[in-house]
Amino acid sequence: MPDLSIRKLTEDEHAALKIKAAAAKKSVEAYVRDLILESLRGPIVYQSYILKAYGPGPAHATIHRIADDAVTSNAELCNEAQINTYQEAKGLIKSNRPEEREKALGIMREQFEDVRIVLI
């Protein structure tokens, strides 16, 4: 199994880890390993990405999540249902919760033929 070393902790930070590990009745190694594994359990949260949607026909929309709730977007040649869905998806993407990003993808796929996320 691979090993991992953590460098450049201050004495105070290391002491705090020891206290927290002892409170959890674990070694520092086990405590830190559990913290790392817990952080990996949930879905990956991307800070910056673009949701692109195309069709049918010339309809297209993009929602660009930049970071920290910053979103830019554009929709062209879309019908009313596509615009409404696009507006809802834009709000979901702004929050950047993984389940809402997936919901945004799902609702966009109901109105557009090709929907994808591009990581930037």
PDB file of N, CA and C in Angstrom:
ATOM      1  N   MET A   1       0.833  -1.189   0.000  1.00  0.00           N
ATOM      2  CA  MET A   1       0.000   0.000   0.000  1.00  0.00           C
ATOM      3  C   MET A   1       0.873   1.247   0.000  1.00  0.00           C
ATOM      4  N   PRO A   2       0.451   2.285  -0.700  1.00  0.00           N
ATOM      5  CA  PRO A   2       1.217   3.530  -0.708  1.00  0.00           C
ATOM      6  C   PRO A   2       1.187   4.213   0.661  1.00  0.00           C
ATOM      7  N   ASP A   3       2.252   4.939   0.931  1.00  0.00           N
ATOM      8  CA  ASP A   3       2.334   5.744   2.152  1.00  0.00           C
ATOM      9  C   ASP A   3       2.154   7.206   1.779  1.00  0.00           C
ATOM     10  N   LEU A   4       1.749   7.990   2.771  1.00  0.00           N
ATOM     11  CA  LEU A   4       1.554   9.416   2.581  1.00  0.00           C
ATOM     12  C   LEU A   4       2.184  10.139   3.756  1.00  0.00           C
ATOM     13  N   SER A   5       3.034  11.112   3.478  1.00  0.00           N
ATOM     14  CA  SER A   5       3.636  11.928   4.533  1.00  0.00           C
ATOM     15  C   SER A   5       3.051  13.330   4.451  1.00  0.00           C
ATOM     16  N   ILE A   6       2.806  13.903   5.590  1.00  0.00           N
ATOM     17  CA  ILE A   6       2.306  15.275   5.634  1.00  0.00           C
ATOM     18  C   ILE A   6       3.391  16.125   6.274  1.00  0.00           C
ATOM     19  N   ARG A   7       3.881  17.075   5.522  1.00  0.00           N
ATOM     20  CA  ARG A   7       4.967  17.930   5.995  1.00  0.00           C
ATOM     21  C   ARG A   7       4.454  19.329   6.278  1.00  0.00           C
ATOM     22  N   LYS A   8       5.291  20.062   6.983  1.00  0.00           N
ATOM     23  CA  LYS A   8       5.087  21.482   7.247  1.00  0.00           C
ATOM     24  C   LYS A   8       3.863  21.766   8.117  1.00  0.00           C
ATOM     25  N   LEU A   9       3.565  20.869   9.045  1.00  0.00           N
ATOM     26  CA  LEU A   9       2.580  21.161  10.085  1.00  0.00           C
ATOM     27  C   LEU A   9       3.305  21.899  11.208  1.00  0.00           C
ATOM     28  N   THR A  10       2.641  22.876  11.763  1.00  0.00           N
ATOM     29  CA  THR A  10       3.241  23.547  12.915  1.00  0.00           C
ATOM     30  C   THR A  10       3.101  22.639  14.134  1.00  0.00           C
ATOM     31  N   GLU A  11       3.847  22.949  15.170  1.00  0.00           N
ATOM     32  CA  GLU A  11       3.740  22.182  16.424  1.00  0.00           C
ATOM     33  C   GLU A  11       2.308  22.264  16.962  1.00  0.00           C
ATOM     34  N   ASP A  12       1.692  23.444  16.874  1.00  0.00           N
ATOM     35  CA  ASP A  12       0.312  23.611  17.354  1.00  0.00           C
ATOM     36  C   ASP A  12      -0.671  22.763  16.553  1.00  0.00           C
ATOM     37  N   GLU A  13      -0.483  22.715  15.245  1.00  0.00           N
ATOM     38  CA  GLU A  13      -1.369  21.906  14.400  1.00  0.00           C
ATOM     39  C   GLU A  13      -1.208  20.422  14.726  1.00  0.00           C
ATOM     40  N   HIS A  14       0.018  19.988  14.899  1.00  0.00           N
ATOM     41  CA  HIS A  14       0.262  18.586  15.232  1.00  0.00           C
ATOM     42  C   HIS A  14      -0.330  18.255  16.603  1.00  0.00           C
ATOM     43  N   ALA A  15      -0.175  19.170  17.561  1.00  0.00           N
ATOM     44  CA  ALA A  15      -0.752  18.959  18.899  1.00  0.00           C
ATOM     45  C   ALA A  15      -2.276  18.874  18.824  1.00  0.00           C
ATOM     46  N   ALA A  16      -2.881  19.721  17.994  1.00  0.00           N
ATOM     47  CA  ALA A  16      -4.345  19.687  17.843  1.00  0.00           C
ATOM     48  C   ALA A  16      -4.793  18.355  17.253  1.00  0.00           C
ATOM     49  N   LEU A  17      -4.032  17.823  16.280  1.00  0.00           N
ATOM     50  CA  LEU A  17      -4.351  16.511  15.719  1.00  0.00           C
ATOM     51  C   LEU A  17      -4.263  15.417  16.784  1.00  0.00           C
ATOM     52  N   LYS A  18      -3.255  15.489  17.614  1.00  0.00           N
ATOM     53  CA  LYS A  18      -3.111  14.500  18.687  1.00  0.00           C
ATOM     54  C   LYS A  18      -4.302  14.553  19.638  1.00  0.00           C
ATOM     55  N   ILE A  19      -4.726  15.750  19.994  1.00  0.00           N
ATOM     56  CA  ILE A  19      -5.866  15.912  20.914  1.00  0.00           C
ATOM     57  C   ILE A  19      -7.136  15.367  20.282  1.00  0.00           C
ATOM     58  N   LYS A  20      -7.382  15.724  19.015  1.00  0.00           N
ATOM     59  CA  LYS A  20      -8.598  15.246  18.335  1.00  0.00           C
ATOM     60  C   LYS A  20      -8.571  13.730  18.162  1.00  0.00           C
ATOM     61  N   ALA A  21      -7.398  13.184  17.826  1.00  0.00           N
ATOM     62  CA  ALA A  21      -7.277  11.736  17.668  1.00  0.00           C
ATOM     63  C   ALA A  21      -7.538  11.032  18.994  1.00  0.00           C
ATOM     64  N   ALA A  22      -6.980  11.563  20.068  1.00  0.00           N
ATOM     65  CA  ALA A  22      -7.193  10.956  21.389  1.00  0.00           C
ATOM     66  C   ALA A  22      -8.664  11.023  21.780  1.00  0.00           C
ATOM     67  N   ALA A  23      -9.317  12.137  21.475  1.00  0.00           N
ATOM     68  CA  ALA A  23     -10.740  12.274  21.796  1.00  0.00           C
ATOM     69  C   ALA A  23     -11.582  11.261  21.020  1.00  0.00           C
ATOM     70  N   ALA A  24     -11.119  10.900  19.843  1.00  0.00           N
ATOM     71  CA  ALA A  24     -11.819   9.909  19.020  1.00  0.00           C
ATOM     72  C   ALA A  24     -11.351   8.490  19.318  1.00  0.00           C
ATOM     73  N   LYS A  25     -10.419   8.364  20.308  1.00  0.00           N
ATOM     74  CA  LYS A  25      -9.858   7.065  20.687  1.00  0.00           C
ATOM     75  C   LYS A  25      -9.171   6.377  19.509  1.00  0.00           C
ATOM     76  N   LYS A  26      -8.383   7.180  18.772  1.00  0.00           N
ATOM     77  CA  LYS A  26      -7.652   6.669  17.617  1.00  0.00           C
ATOM     78  C   LYS A  26      -6.223   7.187  17.673  1.00  0.00           C
ATOM     79  N   SER A  27      -5.355   6.507  16.940  1.00  0.00           N
ATOM     80  CA  SER A  27      -4.011   7.047  16.752  1.00  0.00           C
ATOM     81  C   SER A  27      -4.118   8.237  15.793  1.00  0.00           C
ATOM     82  N   VAL A  28      -3.079   9.054  15.777  1.00  0.00           N
ATOM     83  CA  VAL A  28      -3.075  10.182  14.840  1.00  0.00           C
ATOM     84  C   VAL A  28      -3.161   9.650  13.410  1.00  0.00           C
ATOM     85  N   GLU A  29      -2.415   8.593  13.135  1.00  0.00           N
ATOM     86  CA  GLU A  29      -2.446   8.008  11.791  1.00  0.00           C
ATOM     87  C   GLU A  29      -3.858   7.566  11.398  1.00  0.00           C
ATOM     88  N   ALA A  30      -4.524   6.829  12.280  1.00  0.00           N
ATOM     89  CA  ALA A  30      -5.880   6.352  11.989  1.00  0.00           C
ATOM     90  C   ALA A  30      -6.855   7.517  11.865  1.00  0.00           C
ATOM     91  N   TYR A  31      -6.691   8.515  12.729  1.00  0.00           N
ATOM     92  CA  TYR A  31      -7.586   9.686  12.699  1.00  0.00           C
ATOM     93  C   TYR A  31      -7.457  10.435  11.365  1.00  0.00           C
ATOM     94  N   VAL A  32      -6.219  10.698  10.947  1.00  0.00           N
ATOM     95  CA  VAL A  32      -5.994  11.427   9.697  1.00  0.00           C
ATOM     96  C   VAL A  32      -6.444  10.591   8.502  1.00  0.00           C
ATOM     97  N   ARG A  33      -6.172   9.284   8.524  1.00  0.00           N
ATOM     98  CA  ARG A  33      -6.622   8.403   7.440  1.00  0.00           C
ATOM     99  C   ARG A  33      -8.139   8.451   7.317  1.00  0.00           C
ATOM    100  N   ASP A  34      -8.846   8.390   8.455  1.00  0.00           N
ATOM    101  CA  ASP A  34     -10.308   8.451   8.423  1.00  0.00           C
ATOM    102  C   ASP A  34     -10.806   9.788   7.879  1.00  0.00           C
ATOM    103  N   LEU A  35     -10.127  10.879   8.228  1.00  0.00           N
ATOM    104  CA  LEU A  35     -10.505  12.195   7.682  1.00  0.00           C
ATOM    105  C   LEU A  35     -10.359  12.215   6.160  1.00  0.00           C
ATOM    106  N   ILE A  36      -9.240  11.682   5.690  1.00  0.00           N
ATOM    107  CA  ILE A  36      -9.006  11.660   4.246  1.00  0.00           C
ATOM    108  C   ILE A  36     -10.043  10.791   3.545  1.00  0.00           C
ATOM    109  N   LEU A  37     -10.287   9.604   4.071  1.00  0.00           N
ATOM    110  CA  LEU A  37     -11.255   8.704   3.440  1.00  0.00           C
ATOM    111  C   LEU A  37     -12.665   9.289   3.458  1.00  0.00           C
ATOM    112  N   GLU A  38     -13.030   9.955   4.528  1.00  0.00           N
ATOM    113  CA  GLU A  38     -14.349  10.601   4.601  1.00  0.00           C
ATOM    114  C   GLU A  38     -14.488  11.675   3.528  1.00  0.00           C
ATOM    115  N   SER A  39     -13.418  12.421   3.291  1.00  0.00           N
ATOM    116  CA  SER A  39     -13.475  13.476   2.273  1.00  0.00           C
ATOM    117  C   SER A  39     -13.624  12.897   0.866  1.00  0.00           C
ATOM    118  N   LEU A  40     -13.239  11.643   0.671  1.00  0.00           N
ATOM    119  CA  LEU A  40     -13.340  11.007  -0.641  1.00  0.00           C
ATOM    120  C   LEU A  40     -14.679  10.316  -0.879  1.00  0.00           C
ATOM    121  N   ARG A  41     -15.490  10.155   0.154  1.00  0.00           N
ATOM    122  CA  ARG A  41     -16.741   9.387   0.029  1.00  0.00           C
ATOM    123  C   ARG A  41     -17.790  10.079  -0.829  1.00  0.00           C
ATOM    124  N   GLY A  42     -17.905  11.353  -0.718  1.00  0.00           N
ATOM    125  CA  GLY A  42     -18.938  12.071  -1.468  1.00  0.00           C
ATOM    126  C   GLY A  42     -18.557  12.258  -2.922  1.00  0.00           C
ATOM    127  N   PRO A  43     -19.468  12.794  -3.679  1.00  0.00           N
ATOM    128  CA  PRO A  43     -19.173  13.051  -5.089  1.00  0.00           C
ATOM    129  C   PRO A  43     -18.140  14.174  -5.222  1.00  0.00           C
ATOM    130  N   ILE A  44     -17.484  14.184  -6.350  1.00  0.00           N
ATOM    131  CA  ILE A  44     -16.505  15.233  -6.627  1.00  0.00           C
ATOM    132  C   ILE A  44     -17.248  16.522  -6.954  1.00  0.00           C
ATOM    133  N   VAL A  45     -16.805  17.605  -6.342  1.00  0.00           N
ATOM    134  CA  VAL A  45     -17.410  18.910  -6.600  1.00  0.00           C
ATOM    135  C   VAL A  45     -16.437  19.707  -7.466  1.00  0.00           C
ATOM    136  N   TYR A  46     -16.860  19.991  -8.682  1.00  0.00           N
ATOM    137  CA  TYR A  46     -16.043  20.789  -9.585  1.00  0.00           C
ATOM    138  C   TYR A  46     -16.344  22.260  -9.357  1.00  0.00           C
ATOM    139  N   GLN A  47     -15.327  23.074  -9.247  1.00  0.00           N
ATOM    140  CA  GLN A  47     -15.525  24.506  -9.037  1.00  0.00           C
ATOM    141  C   GLN A  47     -15.791  25.241 -10.346  1.00  0.00           C
ATOM    142  N   SER A  48     -15.149  24.812 -11.412  1.00  0.00           N
ATOM    143  CA  SER A  48     -15.290  25.496 -12.698  1.00  0.00           C
ATOM    144  C   SER A  48     -15.585  24.477 -13.787  1.00  0.00           C
ATOM    145  N   TYR A  49     -16.649  24.724 -14.526  1.00  0.00           N
ATOM    146  CA  TYR A  49     -16.998  23.856 -15.648  1.00  0.00           C
ATOM    147  C   TYR A  49     -18.019  24.565 -16.517  1.00  0.00           C
ATOM    148  N   ILE A  50     -18.276  24.000 -17.688  1.00  0.00           N
ATOM    149  CA  ILE A  50     -19.279  24.546 -18.601  1.00  0.00           C
ATOM    150  C   ILE A  50     -20.275  23.446 -18.918  1.00  0.00           C
ATOM    151  N   LEU A  51     -21.549  23.734 -18.759  1.00  0.00           N
ATOM    152  CA  LEU A  51     -22.605  22.840 -19.220  1.00  0.00           C
ATOM    153  C   LEU A  51     -22.994  23.337 -20.607  1.00  0.00           C
ATOM    154  N   LYS A  52     -22.912  22.458 -21.588  1.00  0.00           N
ATOM    155  CA  LYS A  52     -23.266  22.802 -22.966  1.00  0.00           C
ATOM    156  C   LYS A  52     -24.447  21.954 -23.398  1.00  0.00           C
ATOM    157  N   ALA A  53     -25.406  22.595 -24.046  1.00  0.00           N
ATOM    158  CA  ALA A  53     -26.600  21.886 -24.530  1.00  0.00           C
ATOM    159  C   ALA A  53     -26.889  22.308 -25.969  1.00  0.00           C
ATOM    160  N   TYR A  54     -27.210  21.310 -26.813  1.00  0.00           N
ATOM    161  CA  TYR A  54     -27.455  21.576 -28.222  1.00  0.00           C
ATOM    162  C   TYR A  54     -28.712  20.850 -28.692  1.00  0.00           C
ATOM    163  N   GLY A  55     -29.409  21.482 -29.639  1.00  0.00           N
ATOM    164  CA  GLY A  55     -30.522  20.869 -30.354  1.00  0.00           C
ATOM    165  C   GLY A  55     -31.776  20.699 -29.516  1.00  0.00           C
ATOM    166  N   PRO A  56     -32.831  20.341 -30.148  1.00  0.00           N
ATOM    167  CA  PRO A  56     -32.917  20.031 -31.570  1.00  0.00           C
ATOM    168  C   PRO A  56     -32.742  21.290 -32.430  1.00  0.00           C
ATOM    169  N   GLY A  57     -32.309  21.057 -33.631  1.00  0.00           N
ATOM    170  CA  GLY A  57     -32.077  22.166 -34.557  1.00  0.00           C
ATOM    171  C   GLY A  57     -30.971  23.082 -34.068  1.00  0.00           C
ATOM    172  N   PRO A  58     -31.127  24.387 -34.324  1.00  0.00           N
ATOM    173  CA  PRO A  58     -30.059  25.324 -33.990  1.00  0.00           C
ATOM    174  C   PRO A  58     -30.041  25.773 -32.518  1.00  0.00           C
ATOM    175  N   ALA A  59     -30.973  25.299 -31.706  1.00  0.00           N
ATOM    176  CA  ALA A  59     -31.030  25.719 -30.299  1.00  0.00           C
ATOM    177  C   ALA A  59     -29.752  25.301 -29.571  1.00  0.00           C
ATOM    178  N   HIS A  60     -29.214  26.228 -28.772  1.00  0.00           N
ATOM    179  CA  HIS A  60     -28.056  25.888 -27.952  1.00  0.00           C
ATOM    180  C   HIS A  60     -27.993  26.796 -26.733  1.00  0.00           C
ATOM    181  N   ALA A  61     -27.413  26.257 -25.677  1.00  0.00           N
ATOM    182  CA  ALA A  61     -27.290  27.001 -24.422  1.00  0.00           C
ATOM    183  C   ALA A  61     -26.003  26.586 -23.734  1.00  0.00           C
ATOM    184  N   THR A  62     -25.391  27.530 -23.049  1.00  0.00           N
ATOM    185  CA  THR A  62     -24.215  27.228 -22.236  1.00  0.00           C
ATOM    186  C   THR A  62     -24.369  27.885 -20.871  1.00  0.00           C
ATOM    187  N   ILE A  63     -23.934  27.186 -19.862  1.00  0.00           N
ATOM    188  CA  ILE A  63     -23.894  27.724 -18.500  1.00  0.00           C
ATOM    189  C   ILE A  63     -22.470  27.493 -18.012  1.00  0.00           C
ATOM    190  N   HIS A  64     -21.770  28.563 -17.739  1.00  0.00           N
ATOM    191  CA  HIS A  64     -20.359  28.501 -17.360  1.00  0.00           C
ATOM    192  C   HIS A  64     -20.251  28.818 -15.874  1.00  0.00           C
ATOM    193  N   ARG A  65     -19.900  27.807 -15.084  1.00  0.00           N
ATOM    194  CA  ARG A  65     -19.681  28.015 -13.648  1.00  0.00           C
ATOM    195  C   ARG A  65     -18.223  28.335 -13.464  1.00  0.00           C
ATOM    196  N   ILE A  66     -17.956  29.544 -13.018  1.00  0.00           N
ATOM    197  CA  ILE A  66     -16.578  30.022 -12.910  1.00  0.00           C
ATOM    198  C   ILE A  66     -15.991  29.618 -11.563  1.00  0.00           C
ATOM    199  N   ALA A  67     -16.663  29.945 -10.472  1.00  0.00           N
ATOM    200  CA  ALA A  67     -16.254  29.602  -9.103  1.00  0.00           C
ATOM    201  C   ALA A  67     -16.994  30.522  -8.158  1.00  0.00           C
ATOM    202  N   ASP A  68     -17.103  30.071  -6.907  1.00  0.00           N
ATOM    203  CA  ASP A  68     -17.705  30.890  -5.853  1.00  0.00           C
ATOM    204  C   ASP A  68     -19.029  31.535  -6.269  1.00  0.00           C
ATOM    205  N   ASP A  69     -19.949  30.736  -6.737  1.00  0.00           N
ATOM    206  CA  ASP A  69     -21.288  31.184  -7.131  1.00  0.00           C
ATOM    207  C   ASP A  69     -21.315  32.110  -8.340  1.00  0.00           C
ATOM    208  N   ALA A  70     -20.227  32.222  -9.073  1.00  0.00           N
ATOM    209  CA  ALA A  70     -20.198  33.058 -10.275  1.00  0.00           C
ATOM    210  C   ALA A  70     -20.580  32.204 -11.476  1.00  0.00           C
ATOM    211  N   VAL A  71     -21.626  32.626 -12.170  1.00  0.00           N
ATOM    212  CA  VAL A  71     -22.121  31.884 -13.325  1.00  0.00           C
ATOM    213  C   VAL A  71     -22.376  32.866 -14.462  1.00  0.00           C
ATOM    214  N   THR A  72     -21.890  32.517 -15.646  1.00  0.00           N
ATOM    215  CA  THR A  72     -22.259  33.259 -16.845  1.00  0.00           C
ATOM    216  C   THR A  72     -23.008  32.284 -17.737  1.00  0.00           C
ATOM    217  N   SER A  73     -23.869  32.805 -18.587  1.00  0.00           N
ATOM    218  CA  SER A  73     -24.664  31.896 -19.400  1.00  0.00           C
ATOM    219  C   SER A  73     -25.133  32.582 -20.672  1.00  0.00           C
ATOM    220  N   ASN A  74     -25.565  31.736 -21.606  1.00  0.00           N
ATOM    221  CA  ASN A  74     -26.066  32.220 -22.882  1.00  0.00           C
ATOM    222  C   ASN A  74     -26.975  31.156 -23.481  1.00  0.00           C
ATOM    223  N   ALA A  75     -28.080  31.597 -24.046  1.00  0.00           N
ATOM    224  CA  ALA A  75     -28.977  30.681 -24.763  1.00  0.00           C
ATOM    225  C   ALA A  75     -29.442  31.377 -26.036  1.00  0.00           C
ATOM    226  N   GLU A  76     -29.429  30.638 -27.130  1.00  0.00           N
ATOM    227  CA  GLU A  76     -29.840  31.202 -28.413  1.00  0.00           C
ATOM    228  C   GLU A  76     -30.713  30.222 -29.175  1.00  0.00           C
ATOM    229  N   LEU A  77     -31.681  30.784 -29.861  1.00  0.00           N
ATOM    230  CA  LEU A  77     -32.575  30.035 -30.745  1.00  0.00           C
ATOM    231  C   LEU A  77     -33.330  28.927 -30.008  1.00  0.00           C
ATOM    232  N   CYS A  78     -33.638  29.170 -28.736  1.00  0.00           N
ATOM    233  CA  CYS A  78     -34.341  28.186 -27.906  1.00  0.00           C
ATOM    234  C   CYS A  78     -35.828  28.518 -27.843  1.00  0.00           C
ATOM    235  N   ASN A  79     -36.636  27.478 -27.707  1.00  0.00           N
ATOM    236  CA  ASN A  79     -38.068  27.708 -27.513  1.00  0.00           C
ATOM    237  C   ASN A  79     -38.331  28.040 -26.039  1.00  0.00           C
ATOM    238  N   GLU A  80     -39.574  28.347 -25.716  1.00  0.00           N
ATOM    239  CA  GLU A  80     -39.914  28.774 -24.356  1.00  0.00           C
ATOM    240  C   GLU A  80     -39.606  27.696 -23.312  1.00  0.00           C
ATOM    241  N   ALA A  81     -39.910  26.454 -23.621  1.00  0.00           N
ATOM    242  CA  ALA A  81     -39.635  25.367 -22.668  1.00  0.00           C
ATOM    243  C   ALA A  81     -38.134  25.217 -22.428  1.00  0.00           C
ATOM    244  N   GLN A  82     -37.357  25.350 -23.484  1.00  0.00           N
ATOM    245  CA  GLN A  82     -35.906  25.258 -23.339  1.00  0.00           C
ATOM    246  C   GLN A  82     -35.361  26.412 -22.498  1.00  0.00           C
ATOM    247  N   ILE A  83     -35.881  27.613 -22.725  1.00  0.00           N
ATOM    248  CA  ILE A  83     -35.443  28.782 -21.944  1.00  0.00           C
ATOM    249  C   ILE A  83     -35.784  28.590 -20.470  1.00  0.00           C
ATOM    250  N   ASN A  84     -36.990  28.126 -20.177  1.00  0.00           N
ATOM    251  CA  ASN A  84     -37.396  27.908 -18.782  1.00  0.00           C
ATOM    252  C   ASN A  84     -36.504  26.867 -18.111  1.00  0.00           C
ATOM    253  N   THR A  85     -36.211  25.795 -18.823  1.00  0.00           N
ATOM    254  CA  THR A  85     -35.350  24.747 -18.283  1.00  0.00           C
ATOM    255  C   THR A  85     -33.933  25.274 -18.077  1.00  0.00           C
ATOM    256  N   TYR A  86     -33.450  26.021 -19.035  1.00  0.00           N
ATOM    257  CA  TYR A  86     -32.119  26.620 -18.958  1.00  0.00           C
ATOM    258  C   TYR A  86     -32.008  27.540 -17.736  1.00  0.00           C
ATOM    259  N   GLN A  87     -33.034  28.358 -17.493  1.00  0.00           N
ATOM    260  CA  GLN A  87     -33.020  29.255 -16.332  1.00  0.00           C
ATOM    261  C   GLN A  87     -33.002  28.461 -15.026  1.00  0.00           C
ATOM    262  N   GLU A  88     -33.782  27.389 -14.957  1.00  0.00           N
ATOM    263  CA  GLU A  88     -33.795  26.544 -13.760  1.00  0.00           C
ATOM    264  C   GLU A  88     -32.429  25.876 -13.559  1.00  0.00           C
ATOM    265  N   ALA A  89     -31.865  25.361 -14.640  1.00  0.00           N
ATOM    266  CA  ALA A  89     -30.558  24.706 -14.557  1.00  0.00           C
ATOM    267  C   ALA A  89     -29.480  25.691 -14.114  1.00  0.00           C
ATOM    268  N   LYS A  90     -29.562  26.915 -14.575  1.00  0.00           N
ATOM    269  CA  LYS A  90     -28.579  27.935 -14.192  1.00  0.00           C
ATOM    270  C   LYS A  90     -28.600  28.161 -12.678  1.00  0.00           C
ATOM    271  N   GLY A  91     -29.789  28.215 -12.086  1.00  0.00           N
ATOM    272  CA  GLY A  91     -29.897  28.362 -10.635  1.00  0.00           C
ATOM    273  C   GLY A  91     -29.332  27.167  -9.888  1.00  0.00           C
ATOM    274  N   LEU A  92     -29.575  25.975 -10.406  1.00  0.00           N
ATOM    275  CA  LEU A  92     -29.046  24.768  -9.776  1.00  0.00           C
ATOM    276  C   LEU A  92     -27.523  24.734  -9.834  1.00  0.00           C
ATOM    277  N   ILE A  93     -26.967  25.106 -10.957  1.00  0.00           N
ATOM    278  CA  ILE A  93     -25.519  25.079 -11.126  1.00  0.00           C
ATOM    279  C   ILE A  93     -24.843  26.129 -10.260  1.00  0.00           C
ATOM    280  N   LYS A  94     -25.500  27.243 -10.061  1.00  0.00           N
ATOM    281  CA  LYS A  94     -24.906  28.297  -9.230  1.00  0.00           C
ATOM    282  C   LYS A  94     -24.628  27.804  -7.817  1.00  0.00           C
ATOM    283  N   SER A  95     -25.499  26.963  -7.275  1.00  0.00           N
ATOM    284  CA  SER A  95     -25.314  26.455  -5.910  1.00  0.00           C
ATOM    285  C   SER A  95     -24.106  25.520  -5.814  1.00  0.00           C
ATOM    286  N   ASN A  96     -23.808  24.823  -6.896  1.00  0.00           N
ATOM    287  CA  ASN A  96     -22.673  23.892  -7.014  1.00  0.00           C
ATOM    288  C   ASN A  96     -22.732  22.697  -6.075  1.00  0.00           C
ATOM    289  N   ARG A  97     -23.913  22.297  -5.648  1.00  0.00           N
ATOM    290  CA  ARG A  97     -24.021  21.040  -4.912  1.00  0.00           C
ATOM    291  C   ARG A  97     -24.101  19.917  -5.955  1.00  0.00           C
ATOM    292  N   PRO A  98     -23.377  18.824  -5.744  1.00  0.00           N
ATOM    293  CA  PRO A  98     -23.336  17.757  -6.755  1.00  0.00           C
ATOM    294  C   PRO A  98     -24.719  17.245  -7.155  1.00  0.00           C
ATOM    295  N   GLU A  99     -25.609  17.076  -6.187  1.00  0.00           N
ATOM    296  CA  GLU A  99     -26.935  16.562  -6.538  1.00  0.00           C
ATOM    297  C   GLU A  99     -27.709  17.552  -7.405  1.00  0.00           C
ATOM    298  N   GLU A 100     -27.465  18.836  -7.226  1.00  0.00           N
ATOM    299  CA  GLU A 100     -28.147  19.839  -8.050  1.00  0.00           C
ATOM    300  C   GLU A 100     -27.517  19.941  -9.431  1.00  0.00           C
ATOM    301  N   ARG A 101     -26.215  19.725  -9.519  1.00  0.00           N
ATOM    302  CA  ARG A 101     -25.567  19.679 -10.835  1.00  0.00           C
ATOM    303  C   ARG A 101     -26.154  18.521 -11.647  1.00  0.00           C
ATOM    304  N   GLU A 102     -26.335  17.369 -10.984  1.00  0.00           N
ATOM    305  CA  GLU A 102     -26.917  16.210 -11.672  1.00  0.00           C
ATOM    306  C   GLU A 102     -28.367  16.471 -12.065  1.00  0.00           C
ATOM    307  N   LYS A 103     -29.105  17.159 -11.217  1.00  0.00           N
ATOM    308  CA  LYS A 103     -30.491  17.513 -11.551  1.00  0.00           C
ATOM    309  C   LYS A 103     -30.514  18.451 -12.756  1.00  0.00           C
ATOM    310  N   ALA A 104     -29.600  19.424 -12.781  1.00  0.00           N
ATOM    311  CA  ALA A 104     -29.512  20.353 -13.914  1.00  0.00           C
ATOM    312  C   ALA A 104     -29.247  19.596 -15.208  1.00  0.00           C
ATOM    313  N   LEU A 105     -28.323  18.636 -15.165  1.00  0.00           N
ATOM    314  CA  LEU A 105     -28.057  17.819 -16.353  1.00  0.00           C
ATOM    315  C   LEU A 105     -29.310  17.067 -16.791  1.00  0.00           C
ATOM    316  N   GLY A 106     -30.008  16.496 -15.826  1.00  0.00           N
ATOM    317  CA  GLY A 106     -31.216  15.728 -16.141  1.00  0.00           C
ATOM    318  C   GLY A 106     -32.304  16.560 -16.793  1.00  0.00           C
ATOM    319  N   ILE A 107     -32.580  17.733 -16.234  1.00  0.00           N
ATOM    320  CA  ILE A 107     -33.657  18.548 -16.816  1.00  0.00           C
ATOM    321  C   ILE A 107     -33.255  19.124 -18.165  1.00  0.00           C
ATOM    322  N   MET A 108     -31.963  19.431 -18.338  1.00  0.00           N
ATOM    323  CA  MET A 108     -31.516  19.924 -19.643  1.00  0.00           C
ATOM    324  C   MET A 108     -31.635  18.817 -20.699  1.00  0.00           C
ATOM    325  N   ARG A 109     -31.391  17.583 -20.307  1.00  0.00           N
ATOM    326  CA  ARG A 109     -31.496  16.467 -21.253  1.00  0.00           C
ATOM    327  C   ARG A 109     -32.935  16.221 -21.695  1.00  0.00           C
ATOM    328  N   GLU A 110     -33.898  16.701 -20.914  1.00  0.00           N
ATOM    329  CA  GLU A 110     -35.300  16.579 -21.314  1.00  0.00           C
ATOM    330  C   GLU A 110     -35.649  17.536 -22.455  1.00  0.00           C
ATOM    331  N   GLN A 111     -34.909  18.628 -22.587  1.00  0.00           N
ATOM    332  CA  GLN A 111     -35.236  19.658 -23.582  1.00  0.00           C
ATOM    333  C   GLN A 111     -34.237  19.747 -24.737  1.00  0.00           C
ATOM    334  N   PHE A 112     -33.026  19.261 -24.511  1.00  0.00           N
ATOM    335  CA  PHE A 112     -31.981  19.363 -25.535  1.00  0.00           C
ATOM    336  C   PHE A 112     -31.498  17.965 -25.924  1.00  0.00           C
ATOM    337  N   GLU A 113     -31.045  17.828 -27.153  1.00  0.00           N
ATOM    338  CA  GLU A 113     -30.605  16.524 -27.643  1.00  0.00           C
ATOM    339  C   GLU A 113     -29.229  16.108 -27.127  1.00  0.00           C
ATOM    340  N   ASP A 114     -28.321  17.057 -27.000  1.00  0.00           N
ATOM    341  CA  ASP A 114     -26.944  16.749 -26.592  1.00  0.00           C
ATOM    342  C   ASP A 114     -26.563  17.671 -25.442  1.00  0.00           C
ATOM    343  N   VAL A 115     -26.340  17.096 -24.272  1.00  0.00           N
ATOM    344  CA  VAL A 115     -25.996  17.883 -23.081  1.00  0.00           C
ATOM    345  C   VAL A 115     -24.748  17.260 -22.477  1.00  0.00           C
ATOM    346  N   ARG A 116     -23.766  18.107 -22.188  1.00  0.00           N
ATOM    347  CA  ARG A 116     -22.524  17.594 -21.598  1.00  0.00           C
ATOM    348  C   ARG A 116     -21.876  18.637 -20.699  1.00  0.00           C
ATOM    349  N   ILE A 117     -21.012  18.143 -19.827  1.00  0.00           N
ATOM    350  CA  ILE A 117     -20.223  19.026 -18.967  1.00  0.00           C
ATOM    351  C   ILE A 117     -18.785  18.985 -19.449  1.00  0.00           C
ATOM    352  N   VAL A 118     -18.201  20.146 -19.600  1.00  0.00           N
ATOM    353  CA  VAL A 118     -16.810  20.277 -20.000  1.00  0.00           C
ATOM    354  C   VAL A 118     -16.053  20.870 -18.827  1.00  0.00           C
ATOM    355  N   LEU A 119     -15.051  20.142 -18.338  1.00  0.00           N
ATOM    356  CA  LEU A 119     -14.239  20.636 -17.217  1.00  0.00           C
ATOM    357  C   LEU A 119     -13.218  21.624 -17.748  1.00  0.00           C
ATOM    358  N   ILE A 120     -13.037  22.697 -16.979  1.00  0.00           N
ATOM    359  CA  ILE A 120     -12.054  23.721 -17.385  1.00  0.00           C
ATOM    360  C   ILE A 120     -11.057  23.955 -16.278  1.00  0.00           C
TER     361      ILE A 120
END
